[in-house]
Amino acid sequence: MPHIVTLTLNPTIDVATSVPEVTPEHKLRCGPVRRDPGGGGINVARVVRELGGEAIAVYTRGGATGSQLEELLEEKGLLRRSVPLQDATRESFTVAEGTGAREYRFILPGPTLSEREWQRCLNALEDVAVGAAFIVASGSRRPAYRRTSMPVWPGWGSAWPCAWWWTPTVRRCGPRWKRACSWPSPTAAS
């Protein structure tokens, strides 16, 4: 059993491309497109795997974009457990302008979980977290949960240590962090 289990309630397909210049009211011809599986917990599981550890990602998925997310995660060889949703998985997209000095990030909202879907997420997490050293719940929360705290699960804090991570961004950490920890170029081959 993997030592780290991640939970991503609002995963995404991260779409990245570039344009020479962003200008209003004109068609902007984009460069090559890169698609990556994303969302806080999925990204944590990917990094753990890249560093040689074992992690399993628990996440939601729905619609055609949910199927594409499954394919992308399969390509990455990530251990996973998905929870089907009625609504489609969200996408986000980043457009790099020019040589990448400026990025425009568009984050689309995800679907709202029904009470039944939310319970299935908790059940899936409980099933795969047996024997885990850590549970990492990370990523954007859906609009329906922004005004309330996350539901408390009795097992959290007693049976398993729990880590709640925040997502570092240039706005939160400043331009030095961007230079020190930059992701590959949006147009780089995956």
Protein backbone atom coordinates (compact mmCIF):
# COMPACT_ATOMS: atom_id res chain seq x y z
CA MET A 1 0.00 0.00 0.00
CA PRO A 2 1.39 3.46 -0.86
CA HIS A 3 2.50 5.57 2.08
CA ILE A 4 0.81 8.73 0.75
CA VAL A 5 -2.80 9.06 -0.36
CA THR A 6 -3.95 12.28 -2.01
CA LEU A 7 -7.46 13.65 -2.43
CA THR A 8 -8.39 15.98 -5.29
CA LEU A 9 -12.03 17.06 -5.30
CA ASN A 10 -11.68 19.45 -8.24
CA PRO A 11 -9.10 18.03 -10.66
CA THR A 12 -8.38 19.63 -14.00
CA ILE A 13 -6.82 19.09 -17.35
CA ASP A 14 -4.18 21.81 -17.57
CA VAL A 15 -3.99 23.08 -21.15
CA ALA A 16 -0.99 25.25 -22.02
CA THR A 17 -0.03 27.06 -25.20
CA SER A 18 1.66 30.26 -26.36
CA VAL A 19 1.03 33.23 -28.65
CA PRO A 20 3.43 35.88 -29.92
CA GLU A 21 1.34 38.68 -28.40
CA VAL A 22 -1.99 38.95 -26.55
CA THR A 23 -4.16 41.57 -28.22
CA PRO A 24 -7.87 42.24 -27.76
CA GLU A 25 -10.50 41.66 -30.43
CA HIS A 26 -8.27 39.60 -32.75
CA LYS A 27 -7.95 35.90 -33.36
CA LEU A 28 -4.80 34.74 -31.64
CA ARG A 29 -3.04 31.86 -33.41
CA CYS A 30 -1.61 29.59 -30.75
CA GLY A 31 1.50 27.47 -30.74
CA PRO A 32 1.59 23.76 -29.87
CA VAL A 33 -0.75 22.61 -27.11
CA ARG A 34 0.31 20.67 -24.04
CA ARG A 35 -2.20 18.84 -21.81
CA ASP A 36 -1.36 17.60 -18.33
CA PRO A 37 -3.41 16.06 -15.53
CA GLY A 38 -3.73 18.56 -12.72
CA GLY A 39 -5.28 19.55 -9.45
CA GLY A 40 -3.53 19.82 -6.09
CA GLY A 41 -3.61 16.21 -4.90
CA ILE A 42 -2.90 14.80 -8.36
CA ASN A 43 0.12 17.08 -8.65
CA VAL A 44 1.36 15.99 -5.21
CA ALA A 45 1.03 12.30 -6.20
CA ARG A 46 2.87 12.96 -9.48
CA VAL A 47 5.77 14.65 -7.66
CA VAL A 48 5.98 11.87 -5.07
CA ARG A 49 6.17 9.32 -7.91
CA GLU A 50 8.81 11.37 -9.76
CA LEU A 51 10.90 11.44 -6.57
CA GLY A 52 10.71 7.64 -6.29
CA GLY A 53 7.98 7.35 -3.66
CA GLU A 54 4.60 5.70 -3.81
CA ALA A 55 1.35 7.59 -3.75
CA ILE A 56 -2.19 6.91 -4.80
CA ALA A 57 -4.45 9.70 -6.00
CA VAL A 58 -8.17 9.72 -5.16
CA TYR A 59 -10.00 12.20 -7.37
CA THR A 60 -13.30 12.98 -9.05
CA ARG A 61 -13.94 12.73 -12.78
CA GLY A 62 -16.86 13.21 -15.14
CA GLY A 63 -17.78 13.59 -18.79
CA ALA A 64 -15.42 13.54 -21.77
CA THR A 65 -12.83 15.60 -19.93
CA GLY A 66 -12.93 13.08 -17.08
CA SER A 67 -12.17 10.31 -19.58
CA GLN A 68 -9.29 12.35 -20.96
CA LEU A 69 -7.99 12.89 -17.42
CA GLU A 70 -8.01 9.11 -16.92
CA GLU A 71 -5.97 8.65 -20.12
CA LEU A 72 -3.42 11.28 -19.09
CA LEU A 73 -2.98 9.70 -15.66
CA GLU A 74 -2.59 6.27 -17.24
CA GLU A 75 0.19 7.68 -19.45
CA LYS A 76 1.92 9.02 -16.32
CA GLY A 77 1.65 5.61 -14.64
CA LEU A 78 0.01 7.05 -11.54
CA LEU A 79 -1.75 4.77 -9.05
CA ARG A 80 -5.26 6.10 -8.71
CA ARG A 81 -8.86 5.68 -7.69
CA SER A 82 -11.45 7.83 -9.39
CA VAL A 83 -14.93 8.74 -8.21
CA PRO A 84 -17.37 9.26 -11.11
CA LEU A 85 -19.40 12.46 -11.22
CA GLN A 86 -22.46 13.42 -13.21
CA ASP A 87 -20.87 16.69 -14.40
CA ALA A 88 -17.70 17.14 -16.45
CA THR A 89 -14.19 17.56 -15.06
CA ARG A 90 -12.96 21.12 -15.46
CA GLU A 91 -10.17 22.45 -17.61
CA SER A 92 -7.80 25.33 -17.02
CA PHE A 93 -5.54 26.96 -19.54
CA THR A 94 -2.38 28.99 -19.57
CA VAL A 95 -1.24 31.19 -22.43
CA ALA A 96 2.40 32.30 -22.48
CA GLU A 97 2.97 35.55 -24.34
CA GLY A 98 6.09 35.94 -26.45
CA THR A 99 9.06 34.13 -25.02
CA GLY A 100 7.16 33.26 -21.86
CA ALA A 101 7.84 36.40 -19.86
CA ARG A 102 4.11 36.85 -19.22
CA GLU A 103 1.57 34.13 -18.53
CA TYR A 104 -2.19 34.42 -18.54
CA ARG A 105 -3.88 31.75 -16.42
CA PHE A 106 -7.57 30.98 -16.81
CA ILE A 107 -9.05 28.72 -14.14
CA LEU A 108 -12.51 27.40 -14.96
CA PRO A 109 -14.89 26.37 -12.19
CA GLY A 110 -15.49 22.72 -11.55
CA PRO A 111 -18.74 20.88 -11.02
CA THR A 112 -20.57 20.98 -7.71
CA LEU A 113 -20.65 17.65 -5.91
CA SER A 114 -23.95 16.23 -4.79
CA GLU A 115 -24.15 14.88 -1.26
CA ARG A 116 -24.02 11.34 -2.71
CA GLU A 117 -20.90 12.13 -4.79
CA TRP A 118 -19.22 13.72 -1.79
CA GLN A 119 -19.94 10.61 0.30
CA ARG A 120 -18.49 8.39 -2.46
CA CYS A 121 -15.29 10.47 -2.29
CA LEU A 122 -15.00 9.88 1.43
CA ASN A 123 -15.72 6.16 0.99
CA ALA A 124 -13.06 5.85 -1.72
CA LEU A 125 -10.56 7.70 0.46
CA GLU A 126 -11.34 5.45 3.41
CA ASP A 127 -10.90 2.33 1.22
CA VAL A 128 -7.45 3.27 -0.10
CA ALA A 129 -6.09 5.03 3.01
CA VAL A 130 -5.76 1.84 5.07
CA GLY A 131 -2.11 1.65 6.11
CA ALA A 132 -1.22 5.05 4.65
CA ALA A 133 1.24 7.23 6.53
CA PHE A 134 -0.23 10.50 5.19
CA ILE A 135 -3.34 11.83 3.54
CA VAL A 136 -2.84 14.98 1.51
CA ALA A 137 -5.98 16.89 0.52
CA SER A 138 -5.04 19.67 -1.84
CA GLY A 139 -6.42 21.78 -4.66
CA SER A 140 -9.19 24.19 -5.52
CA ARG A 141 -12.45 23.72 -3.72
CA ARG A 142 -15.64 23.77 -5.70
CA PRO A 143 -17.81 26.89 -5.42
CA ALA A 144 -20.39 25.08 -3.26
CA TYR A 145 -17.75 24.46 -0.56
CA ARG A 146 -16.11 27.91 -0.55
CA ARG A 147 -18.41 29.29 2.12
CA THR A 148 -18.11 26.32 4.43
CA SER A 149 -15.28 24.36 5.94
CA MET A 150 -14.47 20.91 4.64
CA PRO A 151 -16.52 18.19 6.32
CA VAL A 152 -14.65 16.50 9.15
CA TRP A 153 -14.08 12.80 8.73
CA PRO A 154 -13.72 10.91 12.03
CA GLY A 155 -10.63 9.03 10.80
CA TRP A 156 -8.69 12.21 10.06
CA GLY A 157 -6.41 13.22 12.85
CA SER A 158 -6.70 9.91 14.68
CA ALA A 159 -6.01 6.92 12.42
CA TRP A 160 -3.94 8.89 9.88
CA PRO A 161 -1.83 12.00 10.02
CA CYS A 162 -3.30 14.52 7.63
CA ALA A 163 -1.50 17.21 5.67
CA TRP A 164 -3.36 20.13 4.13
CA TRP A 165 -1.19 21.81 1.53
CA TRP A 166 -1.64 25.14 -0.14
CA THR A 167 -0.70 25.73 -3.74
CA PRO A 168 2.32 28.03 -4.14
CA THR A 169 1.79 30.63 -6.86
CA VAL A 170 3.84 33.55 -8.10
CA ARG A 171 1.32 35.92 -6.49
CA ARG A 172 1.76 34.23 -3.09
CA CYS A 173 5.51 33.64 -3.26
CA GLY A 174 6.85 36.35 -5.57
CA PRO A 175 8.91 36.34 -8.76
CA ARG A 176 11.96 34.76 -7.09
CA TRP A 177 9.98 31.59 -6.45
CA LYS A 178 8.93 31.48 -10.13
CA ARG A 179 12.56 31.56 -11.29
CA ALA A 180 13.71 29.02 -8.68
CA CYS A 181 10.89 26.50 -9.14
CA SER A 182 9.57 27.00 -12.63
CA TRP A 183 7.62 24.29 -14.44
CA PRO A 184 8.58 23.30 -17.97
CA SER A 185 7.62 25.67 -20.73
CA PRO A 186 3.95 25.32 -21.77
CA THR A 187 5.11 24.36 -25.25
CA ALA A 188 7.76 21.87 -24.13
CA ALA A 189 7.19 18.30 -25.18
CA SER A 190 5.84 16.10 -22.43
